[in-house]
Amino acid sequence: MATRYIFAPDLSASRRWYADVLNLPADIAPADAATLHLPGADTLVFSAQAPPGAHVLPVESVDAARQRFEHRPLVPGENQGRIVAAGPGHLTLVDPANNELTLLEPTGEALPS
């Protein structure tokens, strides 16, 4: 397990986006609005001081994550992100803060950091 620092000038928007797309239950979010703990995986720390970057995260189902992304409620004035690439077992999105997030289904191989 690792701590990943995610560039997020709007903490609540980024945190809400990741929780929606990754299908995180409400109780996974601690009182600290700047973090999310992924079950059995990494801790995401959102910060305006973190450099924008690319991140790879495991998901049970890329298709389900894509459905959640495509059907999330629109929040007025909030960047909704976009899909950059998709294929069997992987989905690459750009989040509201323009970070690149690649979601991978487990294959039994180690994921890149």
PDB file of N, CA and C in Angstrom:
ATOM      1  N   MET A   1       0.836  -1.183   0.000  1.00  0.00           N
ATOM      2  CA  MET A   1       0.000   0.000   0.000  1.00  0.00           C
ATOM      3  C   MET A   1       0.877   1.240   0.000  1.00  0.00           C
ATOM      4  N   ALA A   2       0.423   2.241  -0.727  1.00  0.00           N
ATOM      5  CA  ALA A   2       1.200   3.467  -0.863  1.00  0.00           C
ATOM      6  C   ALA A   2       0.295   4.672  -0.653  1.00  0.00           C
ATOM      7  N   THR A   3       0.933   5.786  -0.389  1.00  0.00           N
ATOM      8  CA  THR A   3       0.220   7.056  -0.334  1.00  0.00           C
ATOM      9  C   THR A   3       0.464   7.764  -1.651  1.00  0.00           C
ATOM     10  N   ARG A   4      -0.608   8.164  -2.295  1.00  0.00           N
ATOM     11  CA  ARG A   4      -0.515   8.877  -3.571  1.00  0.00           C
ATOM     12  C   ARG A   4      -1.002  10.294  -3.354  1.00  0.00           C
ATOM     13  N   TYR A   5      -0.198  11.256  -3.773  1.00  0.00           N
ATOM     14  CA  TYR A   5      -0.564  12.661  -3.647  1.00  0.00           C
ATOM     15  C   TYR A   5      -1.168  13.114  -4.967  1.00  0.00           C
ATOM     16  N   ILE A   6      -2.405  13.562  -4.895  1.00  0.00           N
ATOM     17  CA  ILE A   6      -3.182  13.932  -6.072  1.00  0.00           C
ATOM     18  C   ILE A   6      -3.353  15.449  -6.093  1.00  0.00           C
ATOM     19  N   PHE A   7      -2.941  16.090  -7.193  1.00  0.00           N
ATOM     20  CA  PHE A   7      -3.135  17.529  -7.336  1.00  0.00           C
ATOM     21  C   PHE A   7      -4.631  17.822  -7.347  1.00  0.00           C
ATOM     22  N   ALA A   8      -5.068  18.715  -6.449  1.00  0.00           N
ATOM     23  CA  ALA A   8      -6.489  19.028  -6.332  1.00  0.00           C
ATOM     24  C   ALA A   8      -6.675  20.438  -5.795  1.00  0.00           C
ATOM     25  N   PRO A   9      -6.839  21.429  -6.672  1.00  0.00           N
ATOM     26  CA  PRO A   9      -7.073  22.783  -6.183  1.00  0.00           C
ATOM     27  C   PRO A   9      -8.428  22.927  -5.498  1.00  0.00           C
ATOM     28  N   ASP A  10      -9.398  22.060  -5.837  1.00  0.00           N
ATOM     29  CA  ASP A  10     -10.703  22.037  -5.177  1.00  0.00           C
ATOM     30  C   ASP A  10     -10.838  20.672  -4.507  1.00  0.00           C
ATOM     31  N   LEU A  11     -10.497  20.615  -3.203  1.00  0.00           N
ATOM     32  CA  LEU A  11     -10.456  19.341  -2.484  1.00  0.00           C
ATOM     33  C   LEU A  11     -11.784  18.604  -2.523  1.00  0.00           C
ATOM     34  N   SER A  12     -12.872  19.294  -2.226  1.00  0.00           N
ATOM     35  CA  SER A  12     -14.159  18.597  -2.157  1.00  0.00           C
ATOM     36  C   SER A  12     -14.592  18.070  -3.523  1.00  0.00           C
ATOM     37  N   ALA A  13     -14.353  18.822  -4.591  1.00  0.00           N
ATOM     38  CA  ALA A  13     -14.723  18.353  -5.932  1.00  0.00           C
ATOM     39  C   ALA A  13     -13.905  17.118  -6.314  1.00  0.00           C
ATOM     40  N   SER A  14     -12.610  17.152  -6.059  1.00  0.00           N
ATOM     41  CA  SER A  14     -11.760  16.000  -6.405  1.00  0.00           C
ATOM     42  C   SER A  14     -12.134  14.785  -5.572  1.00  0.00           C
ATOM     43  N   ARG A  15     -12.309  14.989  -4.298  1.00  0.00           N
ATOM     44  CA  ARG A  15     -12.653  13.875  -3.409  1.00  0.00           C
ATOM     45  C   ARG A  15     -13.984  13.259  -3.821  1.00  0.00           C
ATOM     46  N   ARG A  16     -14.969  14.079  -4.121  1.00  0.00           N
ATOM     47  CA  ARG A  16     -16.292  13.603  -4.546  1.00  0.00           C
ATOM     48  C   ARG A  16     -16.174  12.836  -5.868  1.00  0.00           C
ATOM     49  N   TRP A  17     -15.385  13.370  -6.820  1.00  0.00           N
ATOM     50  CA  TRP A  17     -15.217  12.727  -8.119  1.00  0.00           C
ATOM     51  C   TRP A  17     -14.605  11.333  -7.951  1.00  0.00           C
ATOM     52  N   TYR A  18     -13.510  11.234  -7.184  1.00  0.00           N
ATOM     53  CA  TYR A  18     -12.849   9.941  -6.986  1.00  0.00           C
ATOM     54  C   TYR A  18     -13.769   8.966  -6.255  1.00  0.00           C
ATOM     55  N   ALA A  19     -14.484   9.422  -5.234  1.00  0.00           N
ATOM     56  CA  ALA A  19     -15.402   8.541  -4.504  1.00  0.00           C
ATOM     57  C   ALA A  19     -16.500   8.030  -5.432  1.00  0.00           C
ATOM     58  N   ASP A  20     -17.033   8.891  -6.301  1.00  0.00           N
ATOM     59  CA  ASP A  20     -18.076   8.481  -7.243  1.00  0.00           C
ATOM     60  C   ASP A  20     -17.542   7.482  -8.266  1.00  0.00           C
ATOM     61  N   VAL A  21     -16.450   7.824  -8.927  1.00  0.00           N
ATOM     62  CA  VAL A  21     -15.925   6.988 -10.009  1.00  0.00           C
ATOM     63  C   VAL A  21     -15.392   5.662  -9.485  1.00  0.00           C
ATOM     64  N   LEU A  22     -14.757   5.683  -8.304  1.00  0.00           N
ATOM     65  CA  LEU A  22     -14.206   4.452  -7.736  1.00  0.00           C
ATOM     66  C   LEU A  22     -15.222   3.694  -6.884  1.00  0.00           C
ATOM     67  N   ASN A  23     -16.440   4.252  -6.761  1.00  0.00           N
ATOM     68  CA  ASN A  23     -17.530   3.622  -6.024  1.00  0.00           C
ATOM     69  C   ASN A  23     -17.158   3.357  -4.558  1.00  0.00           C
ATOM     70  N   LEU A  24     -16.630   4.383  -3.915  1.00  0.00           N
ATOM     71  CA  LEU A  24     -16.235   4.245  -2.524  1.00  0.00           C
ATOM     72  C   LEU A  24     -17.423   4.548  -1.616  1.00  0.00           C
ATOM     73  N   PRO A  25     -17.689   3.689  -0.627  1.00  0.00           N
ATOM     74  CA  PRO A  25     -18.800   3.958   0.281  1.00  0.00           C
ATOM     75  C   PRO A  25     -18.529   5.209   1.117  1.00  0.00           C
ATOM     76  N   ALA A  26     -19.582   5.862   1.551  1.00  0.00           N
ATOM     77  CA  ALA A  26     -19.454   7.108   2.314  1.00  0.00           C
ATOM     78  C   ALA A  26     -18.598   6.929   3.559  1.00  0.00           C
ATOM     79  N   ASP A  27     -18.659   5.759   4.207  1.00  0.00           N
ATOM     80  CA  ASP A  27     -17.903   5.571   5.445  1.00  0.00           C
ATOM     81  C   ASP A  27     -16.415   5.354   5.222  1.00  0.00           C
ATOM     82  N   ILE A  28     -15.968   5.249   3.956  1.00  0.00           N
ATOM     83  CA  ILE A  28     -14.544   5.091   3.664  1.00  0.00           C
ATOM     84  C   ILE A  28     -13.811   6.416   3.832  1.00  0.00           C
ATOM     85  N   ALA A  29     -14.556   7.502   3.789  1.00  0.00           N
ATOM     86  CA  ALA A  29     -13.965   8.833   3.855  1.00  0.00           C
ATOM     87  C   ALA A  29     -13.824   9.275   5.307  1.00  0.00           C
ATOM     88  N   PRO A  30     -12.598   9.521   5.743  1.00  0.00           N
ATOM     89  CA  PRO A  30     -12.403  10.007   7.103  1.00  0.00           C
ATOM     90  C   PRO A  30     -12.866  11.461   7.225  1.00  0.00           C
ATOM     91  N   ALA A  31     -12.860  11.966   8.433  1.00  0.00           N
ATOM     92  CA  ALA A  31     -13.273  13.350   8.669  1.00  0.00           C
ATOM     93  C   ALA A  31     -12.386  14.333   7.899  1.00  0.00           C
ATOM     94  N   ASP A  32     -11.149  13.955   7.641  1.00  0.00           N
ATOM     95  CA  ASP A  32     -10.222  14.806   6.905  1.00  0.00           C
ATOM     96  C   ASP A  32     -10.633  14.830   5.430  1.00  0.00           C
ATOM     97  N   ALA A  33     -11.082  15.961   4.953  1.00  0.00           N
ATOM     98  CA  ALA A  33     -11.576  16.073   3.575  1.00  0.00           C
ATOM     99  C   ALA A  33     -10.486  15.889   2.532  1.00  0.00           C
ATOM    100  N   ALA A  34      -9.233  15.836   2.932  1.00  0.00           N
ATOM    101  CA  ALA A  34      -8.141  15.752   1.965  1.00  0.00           C
ATOM    102  C   ALA A  34      -7.702  14.324   1.674  1.00  0.00           C
ATOM    103  N   THR A  35      -8.324  13.315   2.269  1.00  0.00           N
ATOM    104  CA  THR A  35      -7.867  11.947   2.037  1.00  0.00           C
ATOM    105  C   THR A  35      -9.011  10.994   1.721  1.00  0.00           C
ATOM    106  N   LEU A  36      -8.668   9.943   0.992  1.00  0.00           N
ATOM    107  CA  LEU A  36      -9.553   8.804   0.761  1.00  0.00           C
ATOM    108  C   LEU A  36      -8.712   7.557   0.904  1.00  0.00           C
ATOM    109  N   HIS A  37      -9.232   6.574   1.604  1.00  0.00           N
ATOM    110  CA  HIS A  37      -8.542   5.302   1.757  1.00  0.00           C
ATOM    111  C   HIS A  37      -9.211   4.280   0.852  1.00  0.00           C
ATOM    112  N   LEU A  38      -8.467   3.735  -0.087  1.00  0.00           N
ATOM    113  CA  LEU A  38      -9.004   2.741  -0.997  1.00  0.00           C
ATOM    114  C   LEU A  38      -8.932   1.372  -0.329  1.00  0.00           C
ATOM    115  N   PRO A  39     -10.006   0.594  -0.368  1.00  0.00           N
ATOM    116  CA  PRO A  39     -10.006  -0.714   0.293  1.00  0.00           C
ATOM    117  C   PRO A  39      -8.887  -1.612  -0.236  1.00  0.00           C
ATOM    118  N   GLY A  40      -8.026  -2.056   0.663  1.00  0.00           N
ATOM    119  CA  GLY A  40      -6.956  -2.968   0.309  1.00  0.00           C
ATOM    120  C   GLY A  40      -5.913  -2.388  -0.619  1.00  0.00           C
ATOM    121  N   ALA A  41      -5.899  -1.073  -0.768  1.00  0.00           N
ATOM    122  CA  ALA A  41      -4.951  -0.470  -1.711  1.00  0.00           C
ATOM    123  C   ALA A  41      -4.359   0.792  -1.114  1.00  0.00           C
ATOM    124  N   ASP A  42      -4.315   1.832  -1.908  1.00  0.00           N
ATOM    125  CA  ASP A  42      -3.611   3.052  -1.552  1.00  0.00           C
ATOM    126  C   ASP A  42      -4.471   4.042  -0.772  1.00  0.00           C
ATOM    127  N   THR A  43      -3.780   5.025  -0.210  1.00  0.00           N
ATOM    128  CA  THR A  43      -4.427   6.189   0.368  1.00  0.00           C
ATOM    129  C   THR A  43      -4.174   7.339  -0.588  1.00  0.00           C
ATOM    130  N   LEU A  44      -5.237   8.038  -0.952  1.00  0.00           N
ATOM    131  CA  LEU A  44      -5.120   9.194  -1.817  1.00  0.00           C
ATOM    132  C   LEU A  44      -5.160  10.439  -0.952  1.00  0.00           C
ATOM    133  N   VAL A  45      -4.169  11.305  -1.122  1.00  0.00           N
ATOM    134  CA  VAL A  45      -4.111  12.571  -0.394  1.00  0.00           C
ATOM    135  C   VAL A  45      -4.233  13.683  -1.424  1.00  0.00           C
ATOM    136  N   PHE A  46      -5.290  14.475  -1.305  1.00  0.00           N
ATOM    137  CA  PHE A  46      -5.544  15.562  -2.242  1.00  0.00           C
ATOM    138  C   PHE A  46      -4.935  16.845  -1.718  1.00  0.00           C
ATOM    139  N   SER A  47      -4.203  17.548  -2.575  1.00  0.00           N
ATOM    140  CA  SER A  47      -3.516  18.765  -2.153  1.00  0.00           C
ATOM    141  C   SER A  47      -3.305  19.703  -3.345  1.00  0.00           C
ATOM    142  N   ALA A  48      -3.488  20.987  -3.100  1.00  0.00           N
ATOM    143  CA  ALA A  48      -3.197  21.982  -4.134  1.00  0.00           C
ATOM    144  C   ALA A  48      -1.694  22.117  -4.343  1.00  0.00           C
ATOM    145  N   GLN A  49      -0.887  21.626  -3.388  1.00  0.00           N
ATOM    146  CA  GLN A  49       0.571  21.706  -3.501  1.00  0.00           C
ATOM    147  C   GLN A  49       1.177  20.495  -4.199  1.00  0.00           C
ATOM    148  N   ALA A  50       0.401  19.445  -4.391  1.00  0.00           N
ATOM    149  CA  ALA A  50       0.929  18.260  -5.076  1.00  0.00           C
ATOM    150  C   ALA A  50       1.102  18.585  -6.556  1.00  0.00           C
ATOM    151  N   PRO A  51       2.120  18.017  -7.187  1.00  0.00           N
ATOM    152  CA  PRO A  51       2.255  18.266  -8.628  1.00  0.00           C
ATOM    153  C   PRO A  51       1.197  17.482  -9.407  1.00  0.00           C
ATOM    154  N   PRO A  52       0.649  18.057 -10.483  1.00  0.00           N
ATOM    155  CA  PRO A  52      -0.264  17.281 -11.326  1.00  0.00           C
ATOM    156  C   PRO A  52       0.481  16.058 -11.857  1.00  0.00           C
ATOM    157  N   GLY A  53      -0.222  14.960 -12.018  1.00  0.00           N
ATOM    158  CA  GLY A  53       0.492  13.779 -12.474  1.00  0.00           C
ATOM    159  C   GLY A  53      -0.416  12.680 -12.967  1.00  0.00           C
ATOM    160  N   ALA A  54       0.205  11.544 -13.218  1.00  0.00           N
ATOM    161  CA  ALA A  54      -0.490  10.348 -13.681  1.00  0.00           C
ATOM    162  C   ALA A  54      -0.468   9.313 -12.567  1.00  0.00           C
ATOM    163  N   HIS A  55      -1.585   8.612 -12.400  1.00  0.00           N
ATOM    164  CA  HIS A  55      -1.706   7.614 -11.341  1.00  0.00           C
ATOM    165  C   HIS A  55      -2.374   6.369 -11.908  1.00  0.00           C
ATOM    166  N   VAL A  56      -1.968   5.217 -11.401  1.00  0.00           N
ATOM    167  CA  VAL A  56      -2.552   3.942 -11.794  1.00  0.00           C
ATOM    168  C   VAL A  56      -3.187   3.340 -10.549  1.00  0.00           C
ATOM    169  N   LEU A  57      -4.464   2.974 -10.655  1.00  0.00           N
ATOM    170  CA  LEU A  57      -5.178   2.403  -9.517  1.00  0.00           C
ATOM    171  C   LEU A  57      -5.916   1.141  -9.952  1.00  0.00           C
ATOM    172  N   PRO A  58      -5.975   0.148  -9.060  1.00  0.00           N
ATOM    173  CA  PRO A  58      -6.733  -1.064  -9.378  1.00  0.00           C
ATOM    174  C   PRO A  58      -8.230  -0.845  -9.139  1.00  0.00           C
ATOM    175  N   VAL A  59      -9.043  -1.460  -9.965  1.00  0.00           N
ATOM    176  CA  VAL A  59     -10.494  -1.470  -9.778  1.00  0.00           C
ATOM    177  C   VAL A  59     -10.993  -2.882 -10.077  1.00  0.00           C
ATOM    178  N   GLU A  60     -12.108  -3.252  -9.468  1.00  0.00           N
ATOM    179  CA  GLU A  60     -12.680  -4.573  -9.741  1.00  0.00           C
ATOM    180  C   GLU A  60     -13.166  -4.679 -11.171  1.00  0.00           C
ATOM    181  N   SER A  61     -13.813  -3.602 -11.644  1.00  0.00           N
ATOM    182  CA  SER A  61     -14.392  -3.633 -12.983  1.00  0.00           C
ATOM    183  C   SER A  61     -14.216  -2.279 -13.668  1.00  0.00           C
ATOM    184  N   VAL A  62     -13.496  -2.290 -14.770  1.00  0.00           N
ATOM    185  CA  VAL A  62     -13.325  -1.083 -15.571  1.00  0.00           C
ATOM    186  C   VAL A  62     -14.665  -0.666 -16.167  1.00  0.00           C
ATOM    187  N   ASP A  63     -15.460  -1.640 -16.610  1.00  0.00           N
ATOM    188  CA  ASP A  63     -16.761  -1.312 -17.199  1.00  0.00           C
ATOM    189  C   ASP A  63     -17.660  -0.612 -16.183  1.00  0.00           C
ATOM    190  N   ALA A  64     -17.665  -1.082 -14.951  1.00  0.00           N
ATOM    191  CA  ALA A  64     -18.486  -0.450 -13.915  1.00  0.00           C
ATOM    192  C   ALA A  64     -17.977   0.958 -13.611  1.00  0.00           C
ATOM    193  N   ALA A  65     -16.658   1.140 -13.559  1.00  0.00           N
ATOM    194  CA  ALA A  65     -16.093   2.476 -13.315  1.00  0.00           C
ATOM    195  C   ALA A  65     -16.475   3.424 -14.451  1.00  0.00           C
ATOM    196  N   ARG A  66     -16.441   2.924 -15.668  1.00  0.00           N
ATOM    197  CA  ARG A  66     -16.827   3.769 -16.812  1.00  0.00           C
ATOM    198  C   ARG A  66     -18.302   4.168 -16.714  1.00  0.00           C
ATOM    199  N   GLN A  67     -19.146   3.230 -16.358  1.00  0.00           N
ATOM    200  CA  GLN A  67     -20.575   3.533 -16.196  1.00  0.00           C
ATOM    201  C   GLN A  67     -20.785   4.597 -15.113  1.00  0.00           C
ATOM    202  N   ARG A  68     -20.084   4.453 -13.986  1.00  0.00           N
ATOM    203  CA  ARG A  68     -20.211   5.444 -12.905  1.00  0.00           C
ATOM    204  C   ARG A  68     -19.736   6.812 -13.384  1.00  0.00           C
ATOM    205  N   PHE A  69     -18.617   6.842 -14.125  1.00  0.00           N
ATOM    206  CA  PHE A  69     -18.103   8.111 -14.646  1.00  0.00           C
ATOM    207  C   PHE A  69     -19.123   8.751 -15.592  1.00  0.00           C
ATOM    208  N   GLU A  70     -19.640   7.965 -16.526  1.00  0.00           N
ATOM    209  CA  GLU A  70     -20.546   8.499 -17.535  1.00  0.00           C
ATOM    210  C   GLU A  70     -21.904   8.912 -16.973  1.00  0.00           C
ATOM    211  N   HIS A  71     -22.288   8.362 -15.824  1.00  0.00           N
ATOM    212  CA  HIS A  71     -23.604   8.651 -15.262  1.00  0.00           C
ATOM    213  C   HIS A  71     -23.551   9.435 -13.954  1.00  0.00           C
ATOM    214  N   ARG A  72     -22.388  10.002 -13.628  1.00  0.00           N
ATOM    215  CA  ARG A  72     -22.346  10.812 -12.401  1.00  0.00           C
ATOM    216  C   ARG A  72     -23.176  12.063 -12.588  1.00  0.00           C
ATOM    217  N   PRO A  73     -23.783  12.531 -11.506  1.00  0.00           N
ATOM    218  CA  PRO A  73     -24.567  13.766 -11.614  1.00  0.00           C
ATOM    219  C   PRO A  73     -23.653  14.940 -11.973  1.00  0.00           C
ATOM    220  N   LEU A  74     -24.139  15.795 -12.844  1.00  0.00           N
ATOM    221  CA  LEU A  74     -23.381  16.986 -13.208  1.00  0.00           C
ATOM    222  C   LEU A  74     -23.467  17.997 -12.074  1.00  0.00           C
ATOM    223  N   VAL A  75     -22.319  18.574 -11.726  1.00  0.00           N
ATOM    224  CA  VAL A  75     -22.262  19.607 -10.699  1.00  0.00           C
ATOM    225  C   VAL A  75     -21.953  20.917 -11.419  1.00  0.00           C
ATOM    226  N   PRO A  76     -22.888  21.891 -11.369  1.00  0.00           N
ATOM    227  CA  PRO A  76     -22.664  23.151 -12.082  1.00  0.00           C
ATOM    228  C   PRO A  76     -21.335  23.798 -11.702  1.00  0.00           C
ATOM    229  N   GLY A  77     -20.589  24.227 -12.726  1.00  0.00           N
ATOM    230  CA  GLY A  77     -19.321  24.902 -12.513  1.00  0.00           C
ATOM    231  C   GLY A  77     -18.154  23.983 -12.224  1.00  0.00           C
ATOM    232  N   GLU A  78     -18.382  22.678 -12.189  1.00  0.00           N
ATOM    233  CA  GLU A  78     -17.316  21.732 -11.869  1.00  0.00           C
ATOM    234  C   GLU A  78     -16.872  21.000 -13.133  1.00  0.00           C
ATOM    235  N   ASN A  79     -15.550  20.918 -13.340  1.00  0.00           N
ATOM    236  CA  ASN A  79     -14.993  20.144 -14.440  1.00  0.00           C
ATOM    237  C   ASN A  79     -15.356  18.681 -14.199  1.00  0.00           C
ATOM    238  N   GLN A  80     -15.955  18.036 -15.176  1.00  0.00           N
ATOM    239  CA  GLN A  80     -16.401  16.648 -15.001  1.00  0.00           C
ATOM    240  C   GLN A  80     -15.333  15.624 -15.373  1.00  0.00           C
ATOM    241  N   GLY A  81     -14.219  16.074 -15.961  1.00  0.00           N
ATOM    242  CA  GLY A  81     -13.195  15.148 -16.419  1.00  0.00           C
ATOM    243  C   GLY A  81     -13.576  14.578 -17.774  1.00  0.00           C
ATOM    244  N   ARG A  82     -12.744  13.667 -18.284  1.00  0.00           N
ATOM    245  CA  ARG A  82     -13.018  13.073 -19.588  1.00  0.00           C
ATOM    246  C   ARG A  82     -12.290  11.741 -19.728  1.00  0.00           C
ATOM    247  N   ILE A  83     -12.783  10.922 -20.632  1.00  0.00           N
ATOM    248  CA  ILE A  83     -12.137   9.646 -20.945  1.00  0.00           C
ATOM    249  C   ILE A  83     -11.082   9.905 -22.011  1.00  0.00           C
ATOM    250  N   VAL A  84      -9.882   9.382 -21.779  1.00  0.00           N
ATOM    251  CA  VAL A  84      -8.773   9.548 -22.713  1.00  0.00           C
ATOM    252  C   VAL A  84      -8.561   8.277 -23.533  1.00  0.00           C
ATOM    253  N   ALA A  85      -8.658   7.128 -22.885  1.00  0.00           N
ATOM    254  CA  ALA A  85      -8.445   5.849 -23.562  1.00  0.00           C
ATOM    255  C   ALA A  85      -9.205   4.764 -22.817  1.00  0.00           C
ATOM    256  N   ALA A  86      -9.627   3.756 -23.559  1.00  0.00           N
ATOM    257  CA  ALA A  86     -10.326   2.628 -22.945  1.00  0.00           C
ATOM    258  C   ALA A  86     -10.024   1.378 -23.749  1.00  0.00           C
ATOM    259  N   GLY A  87      -9.987   0.272 -23.064  1.00  0.00           N
ATOM    260  CA  GLY A  87      -9.761  -1.003 -23.716  1.00  0.00           C
ATOM    261  C   GLY A  87     -10.059  -2.105 -22.737  1.00  0.00           C
ATOM    262  N   PRO A  88      -9.892  -3.341 -23.145  1.00  0.00           N
ATOM    263  CA  PRO A  88     -10.161  -4.452 -22.236  1.00  0.00           C
ATOM    264  C   PRO A  88      -9.278  -4.359 -20.980  1.00  0.00           C
ATOM    265  N   GLY A  89      -9.922  -4.261 -19.837  1.00  0.00           N
ATOM    266  CA  GLY A  89      -9.190  -4.259 -18.571  1.00  0.00           C
ATOM    267  C   GLY A  89      -8.555  -2.947 -18.171  1.00  0.00           C
ATOM    268  N   HIS A  90      -8.754  -1.873 -18.947  1.00  0.00           N
ATOM    269  CA  HIS A  90      -8.168  -0.588 -18.555  1.00  0.00           C
ATOM    270  C   HIS A  90      -9.015   0.582 -19.035  1.00  0.00           C
ATOM    271  N   LEU A  91      -8.916   1.674 -18.279  1.00  0.00           N
ATOM    272  CA  LEU A  91      -9.628   2.901 -18.607  1.00  0.00           C
ATOM    273  C   LEU A  91      -8.764   4.054 -18.118  1.00  0.00           C
ATOM    274  N   THR A  92      -8.500   5.022 -18.985  1.00  0.00           N
ATOM    275  CA  THR A  92      -7.726   6.193 -18.594  1.00  0.00           C
ATOM    276  C   THR A  92      -8.640   7.407 -18.665  1.00  0.00           C
ATOM    277  N   LEU A  93      -8.705   8.114 -17.542  1.00  0.00           N
ATOM    278  CA  LEU A  93      -9.540   9.300 -17.391  1.00  0.00           C
ATOM    279  C   LEU A  93      -8.673  10.486 -17.031  1.00  0.00           C
ATOM    280  N   VAL A  94      -9.186  11.672 -17.286  1.00  0.00           N
ATOM    281  CA  VAL A  94      -8.589  12.896 -16.761  1.00  0.00           C
ATOM    282  C   VAL A  94      -9.573  13.392 -15.705  1.00  0.00           C
ATOM    283  N   ASP A  95      -9.078  13.620 -14.492  1.00  0.00           N
ATOM    284  CA  ASP A  95      -9.945  14.029 -13.390  1.00  0.00           C
ATOM    285  C   ASP A  95     -10.225  15.535 -13.446  1.00  0.00           C
ATOM    286  N   PRO A  96     -11.024  16.077 -12.528  1.00  0.00           N
ATOM    287  CA  PRO A  96     -11.358  17.509 -12.562  1.00  0.00           C
ATOM    288  C   PRO A  96     -10.161  18.447 -12.454  1.00  0.00           C
ATOM    289  N   ALA A  97      -9.052  17.973 -11.907  1.00  0.00           N
ATOM    290  CA  ALA A  97      -7.866  18.816 -11.765  1.00  0.00           C
ATOM    291  C   ALA A  97      -6.836  18.536 -12.863  1.00  0.00           C
ATOM    292  N   ASN A  98      -7.227  17.779 -13.893  1.00  0.00           N
ATOM    293  CA  ASN A  98      -6.369  17.431 -15.038  1.00  0.00           C
ATOM    294  C   ASN A  98      -5.261  16.447 -14.714  1.00  0.00           C
ATOM    295  N   ASN A  99      -5.423  15.636 -13.674  1.00  0.00           N
ATOM    296  CA  ASN A  99      -4.532  14.503 -13.432  1.00  0.00           C
ATOM    297  C   ASN A  99      -4.990  13.361 -14.335  1.00  0.00           C
ATOM    298  N   GLU A 100      -4.056  12.532 -14.770  1.00  0.00           N
ATOM    299  CA  GLU A 100      -4.412  11.364 -15.566  1.00  0.00           C
ATOM    300  C   GLU A 100      -4.515  10.161 -14.639  1.00  0.00           C
ATOM    301  N   LEU A 101      -5.632   9.480 -14.695  1.00  0.00           N
ATOM    302  CA  LEU A 101      -5.894   8.341 -13.817  1.00  0.00           C
ATOM    303  C   LEU A 101      -6.178   7.118 -14.678  1.00  0.00           C
ATOM    304  N   THR A 102      -5.321   6.108 -14.569  1.00  0.00           N
ATOM    305  CA  THR A 102      -5.533   4.868 -15.301  1.00  0.00           C
ATOM    306  C   THR A 102      -6.055   3.827 -14.322  1.00  0.00           C
ATOM    307  N   LEU A 103      -7.209   3.274 -14.642  1.00  0.00           N
ATOM    308  CA  LEU A 103      -7.834   2.239 -13.826  1.00  0.00           C
ATOM    309  C   LEU A 103      -7.572   0.900 -14.500  1.00  0.00           C
ATOM    310  N   LEU A 104      -7.086  -0.050 -13.722  1.00  0.00           N
ATOM    311  CA  LEU A 104      -6.758  -1.370 -14.249  1.00  0.00           C
ATOM    312  C   LEU A 104      -7.481  -2.450 -13.461  1.00  0.00           C
ATOM    313  N   GLU A 105      -7.980  -3.440 -14.179  1.00  0.00           N
ATOM    314  CA  GLU A 105      -8.539  -4.613 -13.516  1.00  0.00           C
ATOM    315  C   GLU A 105      -7.393  -5.529 -13.121  1.00  0.00           C
ATOM    316  N   PRO A 106      -7.556  -6.270 -12.026  1.00  0.00           N
ATOM    317  CA  PRO A 106      -6.468  -7.151 -11.589  1.00  0.00           C
ATOM    318  C   PRO A 106      -6.179  -8.238 -12.634  1.00  0.00           C
ATOM    319  N   THR A 107      -4.895  -8.486 -12.839  1.00  0.00           N
ATOM    320  CA  THR A 107      -4.476  -9.529 -13.774  1.00  0.00           C
ATOM    321  C   THR A 107      -3.555 -10.531 -13.112  1.00  0.00           C
ATOM    322  N   GLY A 108      -3.246 -10.291 -11.853  1.00  0.00           N
ATOM    323  CA  GLY A 108      -2.290 -11.162 -11.170  1.00  0.00           C
ATOM    324  C   GLY A 108      -0.894 -10.626 -11.252  1.00  0.00           C
ATOM    325  N   GLU A 109      -0.673  -9.577 -12.058  1.00  0.00           N
ATOM    326  CA  GLU A 109       0.641  -8.973 -12.188  1.00  0.00           C
ATOM    327  C   GLU A 109       0.725  -7.752 -11.293  1.00  0.00           C
ATOM    328  N   ALA A 110       1.926  -7.358 -10.931  1.00  0.00           N
ATOM    329  CA  ALA A 110       2.109  -6.155 -10.118  1.00  0.00           C
ATOM    330  C   ALA A 110       1.762  -4.928 -10.938  1.00  0.00           C
ATOM    331  N   LEU A 111       1.079  -3.966 -10.300  1.00  0.00           N
ATOM    332  CA  LEU A 111       0.737  -2.711 -10.970  1.00  0.00           C
ATOM    333  C   LEU A 111       1.890  -1.738 -10.885  1.00  0.00           C
ATOM    334  N   PRO A 112       2.115  -0.931 -11.902  1.00  0.00           N
ATOM    335  CA  PRO A 112       3.156   0.093 -11.822  1.00  0.00           C
ATOM    336  C   PRO A 112       2.764   1.163 -10.817  1.00  0.00           C
ATOM    337  N   SER A 113       3.722   1.801 -10.207  1.00  0.00           N
ATOM    338  CA  SER A 113       3.440   2.860  -9.234  1.00  0.00           C
ATOM    339  C   SER A 113       3.213   4.172  -9.924  1.00  0.00           C
TER     340      SER A 113
END
